Amino acid sequence: MDAVDQQAVVDLLGVLSYAELTAFDRLAEDARLAPTLDGRAALAQMAAAEIDHHRRLTARLTELGAEPTAAMRPFVPALDAFHETTRPRTWLEGLVKAYVGDGLASEFYREIAGFLPDPDRGLILDVLADTGHADFAVREVRAAIATDRTLSGRLALWGRRLVGEAMRQAQAVIAERDQLAALILEGTGDLNGIGRLVERITSAYTDRMKTLGLNP
């Protein structure tokens, strides 16, 4: 792996390390919004899984000779801005954010991971695998909508806002590091390839909204 490739890997591991760290913080915070003890415990367990992912990613950064904090630092402003502008006000908004917003971010990073060789590709795909949040979020949101149909419109608007902010976050992350942008361009082949990548992510958003019972 040449120097440019190595830095791209470090950048990707760095942004994911910080994303997992913030996911831990958010899930632990959102758990306190849960209307039941079961819901609170479920999110607490998911938070524990996220901090384990963070540990594995930082361990790999260390193996590559990178300092984890330095690798994460460039991505702090973009990810913090995303979470600050999409802070959920309710339990259900938090679940939609985790399933739609975070889910789309995971789709984006999975696409990039596909351009890497193992072991980094395998590690990233493993930490981005569902920790049980998907089924839990779908079950909770659909049950709430079945009880109160007025929630559907508000949560659909929230989901649309999330996808817009998530796409802006992805663009900010790419713009931050030239090596990461080069990896994506090389992996997709050309600008048309990037367009197809965006189409796949947009299609994933539509599928996720429909799974929740919301209009995309």
N, C-alpha and C. Protein backbone atom coordinates (compact mmCIF):
# COMPACT_ATOMS: atom_id res chain seq x y z
N MET A 1 0.86 -1.20 0.00
CA MET A 1 0.00 0.00 0.00
C MET A 1 0.88 1.24 0.00
N ASP A 2 0.71 2.18 -0.95
CA ASP A 2 1.57 3.35 -1.00
C ASP A 2 1.13 4.38 0.03
N ALA A 3 1.87 5.51 0.11
CA ALA A 3 1.64 6.49 1.16
C ALA A 3 0.24 7.11 1.06
N VAL A 4 -0.22 7.39 -0.17
CA VAL A 4 -1.54 8.00 -0.33
C VAL A 4 -2.61 7.03 0.15
N ASP A 5 -2.51 5.77 -0.25
CA ASP A 5 -3.48 4.78 0.17
C ASP A 5 -3.49 4.64 1.69
N GLN A 6 -2.32 4.61 2.29
CA GLN A 6 -2.22 4.46 3.73
C GLN A 6 -2.92 5.61 4.44
N GLN A 7 -2.71 6.83 3.95
CA GLN A 7 -3.36 7.98 4.59
C GLN A 7 -4.86 7.94 4.42
N ALA A 8 -5.32 7.47 3.28
CA ALA A 8 -6.77 7.35 3.06
C ALA A 8 -7.38 6.38 4.06
N VAL A 9 -6.68 5.27 4.29
CA VAL A 9 -7.16 4.29 5.28
C VAL A 9 -7.20 4.91 6.66
N VAL A 10 -6.14 5.62 7.02
CA VAL A 10 -6.09 6.28 8.32
C VAL A 10 -7.23 7.29 8.45
N ASP A 11 -7.49 8.04 7.37
CA ASP A 11 -8.59 9.01 7.41
C ASP A 11 -9.93 8.32 7.62
N LEU A 12 -10.16 7.23 6.90
CA LEU A 12 -11.44 6.53 7.02
C LEU A 12 -11.59 5.93 8.41
N LEU A 13 -10.53 5.33 8.92
CA LEU A 13 -10.60 4.79 10.28
C LEU A 13 -10.77 5.91 11.30
N GLY A 14 -10.16 7.06 11.02
CA GLY A 14 -10.27 8.18 11.94
C GLY A 14 -11.69 8.73 12.02
N VAL A 15 -12.32 8.93 10.87
CA VAL A 15 -13.68 9.47 10.89
C VAL A 15 -14.64 8.46 11.51
N LEU A 16 -14.44 7.18 11.24
CA LEU A 16 -15.31 6.17 11.83
C LEU A 16 -15.09 6.05 13.34
N SER A 17 -13.85 6.18 13.77
CA SER A 17 -13.57 6.13 15.21
C SER A 17 -14.32 7.23 15.95
N TYR A 18 -14.29 8.43 15.36
CA TYR A 18 -14.99 9.53 16.03
C TYR A 18 -16.51 9.36 15.91
N ALA A 19 -16.97 8.84 14.78
CA ALA A 19 -18.40 8.59 14.61
C ALA A 19 -18.91 7.59 15.65
N GLU A 20 -18.12 6.55 15.92
CA GLU A 20 -18.53 5.56 16.91
C GLU A 20 -18.50 6.15 18.32
N LEU A 21 -17.53 7.01 18.58
CA LEU A 21 -17.46 7.65 19.90
C LEU A 21 -18.67 8.54 20.13
N THR A 22 -19.03 9.32 19.12
CA THR A 22 -20.20 10.19 19.27
C THR A 22 -21.48 9.37 19.32
N ALA A 23 -21.51 8.24 18.61
CA ALA A 23 -22.69 7.36 18.67
C ALA A 23 -22.89 6.85 20.09
N PHE A 24 -21.81 6.51 20.75
CA PHE A 24 -21.90 6.08 22.15
C PHE A 24 -22.51 7.19 23.01
N ASP A 25 -21.97 8.40 22.86
CA ASP A 25 -22.48 9.53 23.65
C ASP A 25 -23.97 9.74 23.40
N ARG A 26 -24.36 9.73 22.13
CA ARG A 26 -25.76 10.03 21.79
C ARG A 26 -26.71 8.95 22.25
N LEU A 27 -26.33 7.70 22.06
CA LEU A 27 -27.22 6.62 22.47
C LEU A 27 -27.40 6.61 23.99
N ALA A 28 -26.33 6.89 24.70
CA ALA A 28 -26.43 6.95 26.15
C ALA A 28 -27.35 8.10 26.57
N GLU A 29 -27.25 9.23 25.85
CA GLU A 29 -28.11 10.37 26.15
C GLU A 29 -29.56 10.09 25.76
N ASP A 30 -29.75 9.51 24.58
CA ASP A 30 -31.11 9.21 24.10
C ASP A 30 -31.79 8.17 24.96
N ALA A 31 -31.01 7.31 25.57
CA ALA A 31 -31.60 6.27 26.43
C ALA A 31 -32.42 6.88 27.55
N ARG A 32 -32.05 8.08 27.98
CA ARG A 32 -32.78 8.74 29.07
C ARG A 32 -34.13 9.27 28.61
N LEU A 33 -34.34 9.33 27.29
CA LEU A 33 -35.64 9.76 26.76
C LEU A 33 -36.62 8.59 26.65
N ALA A 34 -36.12 7.38 26.85
CA ALA A 34 -36.95 6.20 26.65
C ALA A 34 -38.15 6.20 27.59
N PRO A 35 -39.34 5.87 27.07
CA PRO A 35 -40.54 5.85 27.92
C PRO A 35 -40.63 4.61 28.80
N THR A 36 -39.79 3.60 28.52
CA THR A 36 -39.83 2.37 29.32
C THR A 36 -38.42 1.98 29.72
N LEU A 37 -38.33 1.16 30.75
CA LEU A 37 -37.03 0.66 31.18
C LEU A 37 -36.43 -0.27 30.13
N ASP A 38 -37.29 -1.03 29.46
CA ASP A 38 -36.80 -1.92 28.40
C ASP A 38 -36.13 -1.12 27.29
N GLY A 39 -36.75 -0.01 26.89
CA GLY A 39 -36.18 0.83 25.85
C GLY A 39 -34.88 1.46 26.30
N ARG A 40 -34.85 1.88 27.54
CA ARG A 40 -33.62 2.48 28.07
C ARG A 40 -32.49 1.46 28.08
N ALA A 41 -32.80 0.24 28.50
CA ALA A 41 -31.78 -0.80 28.54
C ALA A 41 -31.30 -1.17 27.13
N ALA A 42 -32.23 -1.19 26.17
CA ALA A 42 -31.87 -1.54 24.80
C ALA A 42 -30.88 -0.55 24.22
N LEU A 43 -31.13 0.76 24.42
CA LEU A 43 -30.20 1.75 23.89
C LEU A 43 -28.88 1.75 24.65
N ALA A 44 -28.92 1.46 25.94
CA ALA A 44 -27.69 1.39 26.71
C ALA A 44 -26.80 0.26 26.19
N GLN A 45 -27.41 -0.86 25.82
CA GLN A 45 -26.65 -1.98 25.27
C GLN A 45 -26.05 -1.62 23.92
N MET A 46 -26.81 -0.88 23.13
CA MET A 46 -26.29 -0.45 21.83
C MET A 46 -25.14 0.52 22.01
N ALA A 47 -25.23 1.39 23.01
CA ALA A 47 -24.14 2.32 23.29
C ALA A 47 -22.88 1.55 23.65
N ALA A 48 -23.03 0.50 24.41
CA ALA A 48 -21.87 -0.32 24.78
C ALA A 48 -21.22 -0.94 23.55
N ALA A 49 -22.04 -1.35 22.58
CA ALA A 49 -21.50 -1.92 21.35
C ALA A 49 -20.72 -0.87 20.57
N GLU A 50 -21.21 0.37 20.56
CA GLU A 50 -20.54 1.43 19.81
C GLU A 50 -19.17 1.75 20.41
N ILE A 51 -19.05 1.76 21.72
CA ILE A 51 -17.75 2.07 22.32
C ILE A 51 -16.77 0.93 22.08
N ASP A 52 -17.28 -0.29 21.95
CA ASP A 52 -16.40 -1.41 21.59
C ASP A 52 -15.91 -1.25 20.15
N HIS A 53 -16.79 -0.79 19.25
CA HIS A 53 -16.37 -0.52 17.88
C HIS A 53 -15.28 0.56 17.87
N HIS A 54 -15.47 1.59 18.65
CA HIS A 54 -14.47 2.67 18.75
C HIS A 54 -13.13 2.10 19.19
N ARG A 55 -13.15 1.23 20.17
CA ARG A 55 -11.90 0.62 20.68
C ARG A 55 -11.20 -0.17 19.58
N ARG A 56 -11.96 -0.95 18.81
CA ARG A 56 -11.36 -1.76 17.76
C ARG A 56 -10.75 -0.90 16.65
N LEU A 57 -11.43 0.18 16.30
CA LEU A 57 -10.93 1.06 15.25
C LEU A 57 -9.67 1.79 15.68
N THR A 58 -9.66 2.28 16.91
CA THR A 58 -8.46 2.97 17.39
C THR A 58 -7.29 2.01 17.54
N ALA A 59 -7.59 0.76 17.90
CA ALA A 59 -6.52 -0.24 17.99
C ALA A 59 -5.88 -0.46 16.61
N ARG A 60 -6.71 -0.48 15.57
CA ARG A 60 -6.18 -0.65 14.22
C ARG A 60 -5.37 0.56 13.79
N LEU A 61 -5.82 1.75 14.16
CA LEU A 61 -5.04 2.95 13.86
C LEU A 61 -3.66 2.86 14.49
N THR A 62 -3.62 2.40 15.71
CA THR A 62 -2.33 2.26 16.40
C THR A 62 -1.44 1.25 15.68
N GLU A 63 -2.04 0.15 15.21
CA GLU A 63 -1.28 -0.86 14.46
C GLU A 63 -0.65 -0.26 13.21
N LEU A 64 -1.37 0.69 12.60
CA LEU A 64 -0.88 1.32 11.38
C LEU A 64 0.14 2.42 11.65
N GLY A 65 0.42 2.67 12.93
CA GLY A 65 1.38 3.69 13.30
C GLY A 65 0.80 5.08 13.41
N ALA A 66 -0.53 5.19 13.42
CA ALA A 66 -1.21 6.48 13.54
C ALA A 66 -1.63 6.73 14.98
N GLU A 67 -1.66 7.98 15.36
CA GLU A 67 -2.12 8.35 16.70
C GLU A 67 -3.63 8.57 16.60
N PRO A 68 -4.45 7.78 17.32
CA PRO A 68 -5.90 7.85 17.13
C PRO A 68 -6.51 9.23 17.30
N THR A 69 -6.10 9.96 18.31
CA THR A 69 -6.68 11.29 18.52
C THR A 69 -6.40 12.21 17.34
N ALA A 70 -5.18 12.16 16.84
CA ALA A 70 -4.82 12.99 15.68
C ALA A 70 -5.61 12.57 14.45
N ALA A 71 -5.86 11.26 14.31
CA ALA A 71 -6.61 10.77 13.15
C ALA A 71 -8.07 11.20 13.21
N MET A 72 -8.62 11.31 14.41
CA MET A 72 -10.03 11.70 14.56
C MET A 72 -10.24 13.20 14.46
N ARG A 73 -9.26 13.97 14.91
CA ARG A 73 -9.45 15.41 15.09
C ARG A 73 -9.97 16.16 13.87
N PRO A 74 -9.50 15.87 12.63
CA PRO A 74 -9.97 16.65 11.48
C PRO A 74 -11.48 16.55 11.23
N PHE A 75 -12.10 15.48 11.74
CA PHE A 75 -13.50 15.24 11.44
C PHE A 75 -14.45 15.68 12.54
N VAL A 76 -13.89 16.18 13.62
CA VAL A 76 -14.73 16.60 14.75
C VAL A 76 -15.71 17.71 14.36
N PRO A 77 -15.26 18.79 13.69
CA PRO A 77 -16.21 19.87 13.37
C PRO A 77 -17.40 19.40 12.53
N ALA A 78 -17.15 18.61 11.48
CA ALA A 78 -18.24 18.20 10.58
C ALA A 78 -19.24 17.31 11.31
N LEU A 79 -18.75 16.33 12.06
CA LEU A 79 -19.66 15.41 12.74
C LEU A 79 -20.39 16.09 13.89
N ASP A 80 -19.69 16.96 14.62
CA ASP A 80 -20.35 17.69 15.71
C ASP A 80 -21.43 18.61 15.17
N ALA A 81 -21.15 19.25 14.03
CA ALA A 81 -22.15 20.15 13.44
C ALA A 81 -23.39 19.38 13.03
N PHE A 82 -23.20 18.19 12.45
CA PHE A 82 -24.33 17.36 12.06
C PHE A 82 -25.20 17.02 13.27
N HIS A 83 -24.57 16.59 14.34
CA HIS A 83 -25.35 16.18 15.51
C HIS A 83 -25.98 17.37 16.23
N GLU A 84 -25.32 18.51 16.16
CA GLU A 84 -25.89 19.69 16.81
C GLU A 84 -27.12 20.19 16.07
N THR A 85 -27.12 20.09 14.75
CA THR A 85 -28.26 20.57 13.96
C THR A 85 -29.37 19.53 13.84
N THR A 86 -29.11 18.31 14.30
CA THR A 86 -30.13 17.26 14.23
C THR A 86 -30.34 16.62 15.60
N ARG A 87 -30.33 17.46 16.61
CA ARG A 87 -30.53 16.94 17.97
C ARG A 87 -32.01 16.57 18.14
N PRO A 88 -32.31 15.31 18.43
CA PRO A 88 -33.72 14.90 18.56
C PRO A 88 -34.37 15.52 19.79
N ARG A 89 -35.65 15.85 19.63
CA ARG A 89 -36.39 16.44 20.75
C ARG A 89 -37.21 15.39 21.48
N THR A 90 -37.42 14.25 20.84
CA THR A 90 -38.24 13.20 21.43
C THR A 90 -37.58 11.85 21.25
N TRP A 91 -38.09 10.88 21.97
CA TRP A 91 -37.63 9.49 21.86
C TRP A 91 -37.75 8.99 20.44
N LEU A 92 -38.89 9.23 19.79
CA LEU A 92 -39.10 8.73 18.44
C LEU A 92 -38.19 9.42 17.42
N GLU A 93 -37.96 10.70 17.59
CA GLU A 93 -37.03 11.39 16.70
C GLU A 93 -35.63 10.80 16.83
N GLY A 94 -35.25 10.43 18.04
CA GLY A 94 -33.95 9.81 18.26
C GLY A 94 -33.84 8.48 17.54
N LEU A 95 -34.91 7.71 17.56
CA LEU A 95 -34.90 6.41 16.88
C LEU A 95 -34.84 6.58 15.36
N VAL A 96 -35.60 7.55 14.84
CA VAL A 96 -35.57 7.81 13.40
C VAL A 96 -34.18 8.29 12.98
N LYS A 97 -33.58 9.12 13.80
CA LYS A 97 -32.23 9.60 13.49
C LYS A 97 -31.25 8.44 13.44
N ALA A 98 -31.31 7.55 14.40
CA ALA A 98 -30.39 6.42 14.43
C ALA A 98 -30.59 5.51 13.22
N TYR A 99 -31.86 5.28 12.87
CA TYR A 99 -32.16 4.34 11.79
C TYR A 99 -31.94 4.95 10.41
N VAL A 100 -32.36 6.20 10.24
CA VAL A 100 -32.27 6.84 8.92
C VAL A 100 -30.95 7.61 8.77
N GLY A 101 -30.70 8.56 9.67
CA GLY A 101 -29.50 9.40 9.55
C GLY A 101 -28.22 8.61 9.71
N ASP A 102 -28.10 7.90 10.82
CA ASP A 102 -26.89 7.11 11.04
C ASP A 102 -26.81 5.95 10.06
N GLY A 103 -27.97 5.41 9.70
CA GLY A 103 -27.98 4.31 8.75
C GLY A 103 -27.43 4.74 7.40
N LEU A 104 -27.78 5.94 6.95
CA LEU A 104 -27.27 6.43 5.67
C LEU A 104 -25.77 6.68 5.74
N ALA A 105 -25.31 7.20 6.87
CA ALA A 105 -23.87 7.40 7.05
C ALA A 105 -23.14 6.06 6.96
N SER A 106 -23.72 5.05 7.57
CA SER A 106 -23.12 3.71 7.51
C SER A 106 -23.07 3.20 6.08
N GLU A 107 -24.15 3.44 5.31
CA GLU A 107 -24.17 3.02 3.91
C GLU A 107 -23.03 3.68 3.14
N PHE A 108 -22.82 4.95 3.39
CA PHE A 108 -21.76 5.71 2.72
C PHE A 108 -20.39 5.13 3.05
N TYR A 109 -20.14 4.88 4.34
CA TYR A 109 -18.84 4.35 4.74
C TYR A 109 -18.64 2.91 4.29
N ARG A 110 -19.73 2.15 4.21
CA ARG A 110 -19.61 0.79 3.69
C ARG A 110 -19.19 0.80 2.22
N GLU A 111 -19.74 1.75 1.47
CA GLU A 111 -19.36 1.86 0.07
C GLU A 111 -17.86 2.13 -0.05
N ILE A 112 -17.34 3.04 0.77
CA ILE A 112 -15.91 3.37 0.70
C ILE A 112 -15.07 2.19 1.15
N ALA A 113 -15.52 1.49 2.19
CA ALA A 113 -14.77 0.34 2.70
C ALA A 113 -14.59 -0.71 1.62
N GLY A 114 -15.55 -0.79 0.70
CA GLY A 114 -15.46 -1.76 -0.38
C GLY A 114 -14.28 -1.52 -1.30
N PHE A 115 -13.69 -0.33 -1.24
CA PHE A 115 -12.54 -0.01 -2.08
C PHE A 115 -11.22 -0.43 -1.43
N LEU A 116 -11.28 -0.90 -0.19
CA LEU A 116 -10.07 -1.23 0.57
C LEU A 116 -9.81 -2.73 0.58
N PRO A 117 -8.56 -3.10 0.78
CA PRO A 117 -8.25 -4.53 0.97
C PRO A 117 -8.49 -4.91 2.43
N ASP A 118 -8.55 -6.20 2.68
CA ASP A 118 -8.57 -6.67 4.06
C ASP A 118 -7.17 -6.49 4.67
N PRO A 119 -7.05 -6.33 5.98
CA PRO A 119 -8.10 -6.53 6.99
C PRO A 119 -8.98 -5.30 7.24
N ASP A 120 -8.62 -4.15 6.66
CA ASP A 120 -9.36 -2.93 6.97
C ASP A 120 -10.79 -2.98 6.45
N ARG A 121 -10.98 -3.54 5.27
CA ARG A 121 -12.34 -3.66 4.75
C ARG A 121 -13.21 -4.51 5.68
N GLY A 122 -12.69 -5.65 6.09
CA GLY A 122 -13.46 -6.53 6.98
C GLY A 122 -13.76 -5.89 8.32
N LEU A 123 -12.78 -5.18 8.87
CA LEU A 123 -12.99 -4.51 10.15
C LEU A 123 -14.09 -3.47 10.04
N ILE A 124 -14.02 -2.64 9.01
CA ILE A 124 -15.00 -1.56 8.88
C ILE A 124 -16.40 -2.13 8.65
N LEU A 125 -16.51 -3.11 7.78
CA LEU A 125 -17.83 -3.71 7.53
C LEU A 125 -18.38 -4.36 8.80
N ASP A 126 -17.50 -4.91 9.61
CA ASP A 126 -17.94 -5.55 10.85
C ASP A 126 -18.47 -4.52 11.85
N VAL A 127 -17.75 -3.42 12.02
CA VAL A 127 -18.19 -2.44 13.00
C VAL A 127 -19.42 -1.67 12.53
N LEU A 128 -19.65 -1.66 11.21
CA LEU A 128 -20.84 -0.98 10.69
C LEU A 128 -22.06 -1.88 10.63
N ALA A 129 -21.88 -3.14 10.97
CA ALA A 129 -23.02 -4.07 10.97
C ALA A 129 -24.02 -3.65 12.04
N ASP A 130 -25.27 -3.97 11.82
CA ASP A 130 -26.33 -3.59 12.75
C ASP A 130 -26.12 -4.22 14.12
N THR A 131 -26.26 -3.40 15.17
CA THR A 131 -26.09 -3.89 16.53
C THR A 131 -27.41 -4.26 17.18
N GLY A 132 -28.47 -4.30 16.39
CA GLY A 132 -29.79 -4.58 16.94
C GLY A 132 -30.67 -3.35 16.96
N HIS A 133 -30.07 -2.20 16.61
CA HIS A 133 -30.83 -0.95 16.64
C HIS A 133 -31.91 -0.92 15.56
N ALA A 134 -31.61 -1.53 14.41
CA ALA A 134 -32.55 -1.44 13.29
C ALA A 134 -33.90 -2.04 13.63
N ASP A 135 -33.93 -3.29 14.02
CA ASP A 135 -35.20 -3.94 14.33
C ASP A 135 -35.91 -3.25 15.49
N PHE A 136 -35.14 -2.83 16.47
CA PHE A 136 -35.73 -2.16 17.63
C PHE A 136 -36.38 -0.85 17.22
N ALA A 137 -35.65 -0.04 16.43
CA ALA A 137 -36.19 1.25 15.99
C ALA A 137 -37.43 1.07 15.14
N VAL A 138 -37.39 0.14 14.22
CA VAL A 138 -38.54 -0.10 13.34
C VAL A 138 -39.76 -0.51 14.17
N ARG A 139 -39.56 -1.41 15.08
CA ARG A 139 -40.67 -1.88 15.91
C ARG A 139 -41.29 -0.75 16.73
N GLU A 140 -40.45 0.06 17.35
CA GLU A 140 -40.93 1.15 18.20
C GLU A 140 -41.66 2.23 17.39
N VAL A 141 -41.06 2.62 16.26
CA VAL A 141 -41.66 3.69 15.45
C VAL A 141 -42.98 3.24 14.83
N ARG A 142 -43.01 2.04 14.28
CA ARG A 142 -44.23 1.56 13.65
C ARG A 142 -45.35 1.39 14.68
N ALA A 143 -45.01 0.95 15.88
CA ALA A 143 -46.02 0.79 16.92
C ALA A 143 -46.58 2.15 17.33
N ALA A 144 -45.70 3.15 17.41
CA ALA A 144 -46.14 4.49 17.79
C ALA A 144 -47.06 5.08 16.73
N ILE A 145 -46.72 4.90 15.45
CA ILE A 145 -47.54 5.42 14.37
C ILE A 145 -48.90 4.72 14.33
N ALA A 146 -48.90 3.43 14.60
CA ALA A 146 -50.18 2.70 14.62
C ALA A 146 -51.10 3.22 15.71
N THR A 147 -50.52 3.70 16.79
CA THR A 147 -51.31 4.24 17.90
C THR A 147 -51.76 5.66 17.64
N ASP A 148 -50.89 6.46 16.98
CA ASP A 148 -51.18 7.86 16.72
C ASP A 148 -50.72 8.21 15.31
N ARG A 149 -51.65 8.23 14.35
CA ARG A 149 -51.30 8.48 12.96
C ARG A 149 -50.76 9.88 12.71
N THR A 150 -51.03 10.82 13.61
CA THR A 150 -50.52 12.18 13.41
C THR A 150 -49.00 12.23 13.51
N LEU A 151 -48.40 11.21 14.10
CA LEU A 151 -46.94 11.19 14.22
C LEU A 151 -46.27 10.98 12.86
N SER A 152 -46.96 10.34 11.95
CA SER A 152 -46.36 9.95 10.68
C SER A 152 -45.82 11.15 9.90
N GLY A 153 -46.62 12.20 9.76
CA GLY A 153 -46.20 13.36 8.99
C GLY A 153 -45.00 14.05 9.61
N ARG A 154 -45.03 14.22 10.94
CA ARG A 154 -43.93 14.91 11.61
C ARG A 154 -42.63 14.11 11.50
N LEU A 155 -42.73 12.81 11.67
CA LEU A 155 -41.53 11.99 11.60
C LEU A 155 -41.00 11.88 10.17
N ALA A 156 -41.90 11.93 9.18
CA ALA A 156 -41.47 11.91 7.78
C ALA A 156 -40.68 13.17 7.46
N LEU A 157 -41.16 14.32 7.92
CA LEU A 157 -40.43 15.58 7.71
C LEU A 157 -39.07 15.53 8.39
N TRP A 158 -39.04 14.97 9.57
CA TRP A 158 -37.79 14.83 10.31
C TRP A 158 -36.82 13.93 9.52
N GLY A 159 -37.32 12.84 8.96
CA GLY A 159 -36.47 11.95 8.19
C GLY A 159 -35.89 12.63 6.96
N ARG A 160 -36.70 13.46 6.29
CA ARG A 160 -36.21 14.18 5.11
C ARG A 160 -35.12 15.18 5.50
N ARG A 161 -35.31 15.82 6.63
CA ARG A 161 -34.28 16.76 7.09
C ARG A 161 -32.99 16.01 7.40
N LEU A 162 -33.11 14.85 8.00
CA LEU A 162 -31.93 14.07 8.35
C LEU A 162 -31.12 13.67 7.13
N VAL A 163 -31.80 13.27 6.06
CA VAL A 163 -31.05 12.82 4.89
C VAL A 163 -30.30 13.98 4.26
N GLY A 164 -30.91 15.17 4.26
CA GLY A 164 -30.21 16.33 3.73
C GLY A 164 -28.98 16.67 4.54
N GLU A 165 -29.12 16.64 5.85
CA GLU A 165 -27.98 16.93 6.73
C GLU A 165 -26.92 15.84 6.63
N ALA A 166 -27.34 14.59 6.49
CA ALA A 166 -26.38 13.48 6.38
C ALA A 166 -25.56 13.60 5.09
N MET A 167 -26.19 13.99 4.00
CA MET A 167 -25.46 14.16 2.75
C MET A 167 -24.47 15.31 2.84
N ARG A 168 -24.87 16.38 3.53
CA ARG A 168 -23.96 17.51 3.72
C ARG A 168 -22.78 17.09 4.58
N GLN A 169 -23.05 16.26 5.59
CA GLN A 169 -21.98 15.77 6.45
C GLN A 169 -20.98 14.95 5.62
N ALA A 170 -21.49 14.08 4.76
CA ALA A 170 -20.61 13.26 3.93
C ALA A 170 -19.74 14.13 3.04
N GLN A 171 -20.33 15.17 2.45
CA GLN A 171 -19.57 16.07 1.60
C GLN A 171 -18.49 16.80 2.38
N ALA A 172 -18.81 17.21 3.62
CA ALA A 172 -17.84 17.91 4.46
C ALA A 172 -16.69 16.99 4.83
N VAL A 173 -17.00 15.74 5.10
CA VAL A 173 -15.95 14.77 5.45
C VAL A 173 -15.02 14.56 4.27
N ILE A 174 -15.58 14.40 3.06
CA ILE A 174 -14.76 14.19 1.87
C ILE A 174 -13.89 15.41 1.60
N ALA A 175 -14.49 16.59 1.74
CA ALA A 175 -13.76 17.82 1.45
C ALA A 175 -12.61 18.05 2.41
N GLU A 176 -12.70 17.45 3.57
CA GLU A 176 -11.67 17.67 4.60
C GLU A 176 -10.35 17.02 4.25
N ARG A 177 -10.38 15.89 3.51
CA ARG A 177 -9.16 15.13 3.26
C ARG A 177 -9.04 14.77 1.78
N ASP A 178 -7.98 15.26 1.14
CA ASP A 178 -7.78 15.00 -0.28
C ASP A 178 -7.60 13.50 -0.56
N GLN A 179 -6.89 12.80 0.34
CA GLN A 179 -6.63 11.38 0.11
C GLN A 179 -7.91 10.57 0.13
N LEU A 180 -8.84 10.96 1.01
CA LEU A 180 -10.11 10.26 1.08
C LEU A 180 -10.93 10.50 -0.18
N ALA A 181 -10.92 11.74 -0.65
CA ALA A 181 -11.62 12.07 -1.89
C ALA A 181 -11.02 11.29 -3.07
N ALA A 182 -9.68 11.17 -3.09
CA ALA A 182 -9.02 10.44 -4.17
C ALA A 182 -9.38 8.96 -4.12
N LEU A 183 -9.50 8.40 -2.92
CA LEU A 183 -9.88 6.99 -2.78
C LEU A 183 -11.27 6.75 -3.36
N ILE A 184 -12.19 7.65 -3.08
CA ILE A 184 -13.57 7.51 -3.57
C ILE A 184 -13.61 7.63 -5.09
N LEU A 185 -12.89 8.60 -5.62
CA LEU A 185 -12.89 8.79 -7.07
C LEU A 185 -12.26 7.58 -7.77
N GLU A 186 -11.16 7.09 -7.21
CA GLU A 186 -10.51 5.92 -7.80
C GLU A 186 -11.39 4.68 -7.68
N GLY A 187 -12.06 4.54 -6.54
CA GLY A 187 -12.88 3.36 -6.31
C GLY A 187 -14.12 3.34 -7.19
N THR A 188 -14.72 4.50 -7.41
CA THR A 188 -15.94 4.56 -8.23
C THR A 188 -15.62 4.60 -9.71
N GLY A 189 -14.40 5.00 -10.05
CA GLY A 189 -13.97 5.00 -11.45
C GLY A 189 -14.00 6.37 -12.10
N ASP A 190 -15.09 7.12 -11.89
CA ASP A 190 -15.22 8.44 -12.48
C ASP A 190 -16.40 9.16 -11.84
N LEU A 191 -16.72 10.34 -12.35
CA LEU A 191 -17.83 11.10 -11.78
C LEU A 191 -19.16 10.39 -11.94
N ASN A 192 -19.31 9.63 -13.03
CA ASN A 192 -20.54 8.85 -13.19
C ASN A 192 -20.65 7.79 -12.11
N GLY A 193 -19.51 7.22 -11.74
CA GLY A 193 -19.50 6.24 -10.66
C GLY A 193 -19.91 6.85 -9.34
N ILE A 194 -19.45 8.09 -9.10
CA ILE A 194 -19.86 8.78 -7.88
C ILE A 194 -21.36 9.04 -7.90
N GLY A 195 -21.88 9.37 -9.08
CA GLY A 195 -23.32 9.59 -9.21
C GLY A 195 -24.10 8.33 -8.88
N ARG A 196 -23.60 7.19 -9.33
CA ARG A 196 -24.28 5.93 -9.03
C ARG A 196 -24.20 5.60 -7.54
N LEU A 197 -23.09 5.96 -6.92
CA LEU A 197 -22.96 5.75 -5.48
C LEU A 197 -24.02 6.57 -4.73
N VAL A 198 -24.17 7.83 -5.13
CA VAL A 198 -25.18 8.69 -4.51
C VAL A 198 -26.58 8.11 -4.72
N GLU A 199 -26.83 7.58 -5.91
CA GLU A 199 -28.14 6.98 -6.19
C GLU A 199 -28.41 5.79 -5.28
N ARG A 200 -27.39 4.98 -5.02
CA ARG A 200 -27.56 3.83 -4.14
C ARG A 200 -27.87 4.27 -2.71
N ILE A 201 -27.20 5.31 -2.27
CA ILE A 201 -27.45 5.80 -0.92
C ILE A 201 -28.84 6.41 -0.82
N THR A 202 -29.25 7.15 -1.85
CA THR A 202 -30.59 7.73 -1.86
C THR A 202 -31.65 6.64 -1.87
N SER A 203 -31.41 5.57 -2.63
CA SER A 203 -32.35 4.44 -2.66
C SER A 203 -32.43 3.79 -1.28
N ALA A 204 -31.30 3.70 -0.60
CA ALA A 204 -31.29 3.11 0.75
C ALA A 204 -32.12 3.97 1.70
N TYR A 205 -32.05 5.30 1.53
CA TYR A 205 -32.87 6.19 2.36
C TYR A 205 -34.36 5.91 2.14
N THR A 206 -34.75 5.79 0.87
CA THR A 206 -36.16 5.52 0.56
C THR A 206 -36.62 4.21 1.20
N ASP A 207 -35.78 3.20 1.11
CA ASP A 207 -36.13 1.90 1.70
C ASP A 207 -36.27 2.00 3.21
N ARG A 208 -35.38 2.73 3.84
CA ARG A 208 -35.43 2.86 5.30
C ARG A 208 -36.68 3.59 5.76
N MET A 209 -37.04 4.64 5.06
CA MET A 209 -38.24 5.38 5.43
C MET A 209 -39.48 4.51 5.28
N LYS A 210 -39.55 3.77 4.18
CA LYS A 210 -40.71 2.89 3.97
C LYS A 210 -40.77 1.80 5.03
N THR A 211 -39.63 1.28 5.43
CA THR A 211 -39.59 0.25 6.46
C THR A 211 -40.13 0.77 7.78
N LEU A 212 -39.89 2.05 8.06
CA LEU A 212 -40.42 2.67 9.27
C LEU A 212 -41.92 2.97 9.17
N GLY A 213 -42.45 2.86 7.94
CA GLY A 213 -43.85 3.22 7.74
C GLY A 213 -44.04 4.69 7.43
N LEU A 214 -42.98 5.36 6.94
CA LEU A 214 -43.02 6.79 6.67
C LEU A 214 -42.87 7.04 5.18
N ASN A 215 -43.46 8.14 4.71
CA ASN A 215 -43.30 8.53 3.32
C ASN A 215 -41.94 9.17 3.12
N PRO A 216 -41.15 8.69 2.15
CA PRO A 216 -39.80 9.27 1.93
C PRO A 216 -39.87 10.68 1.37
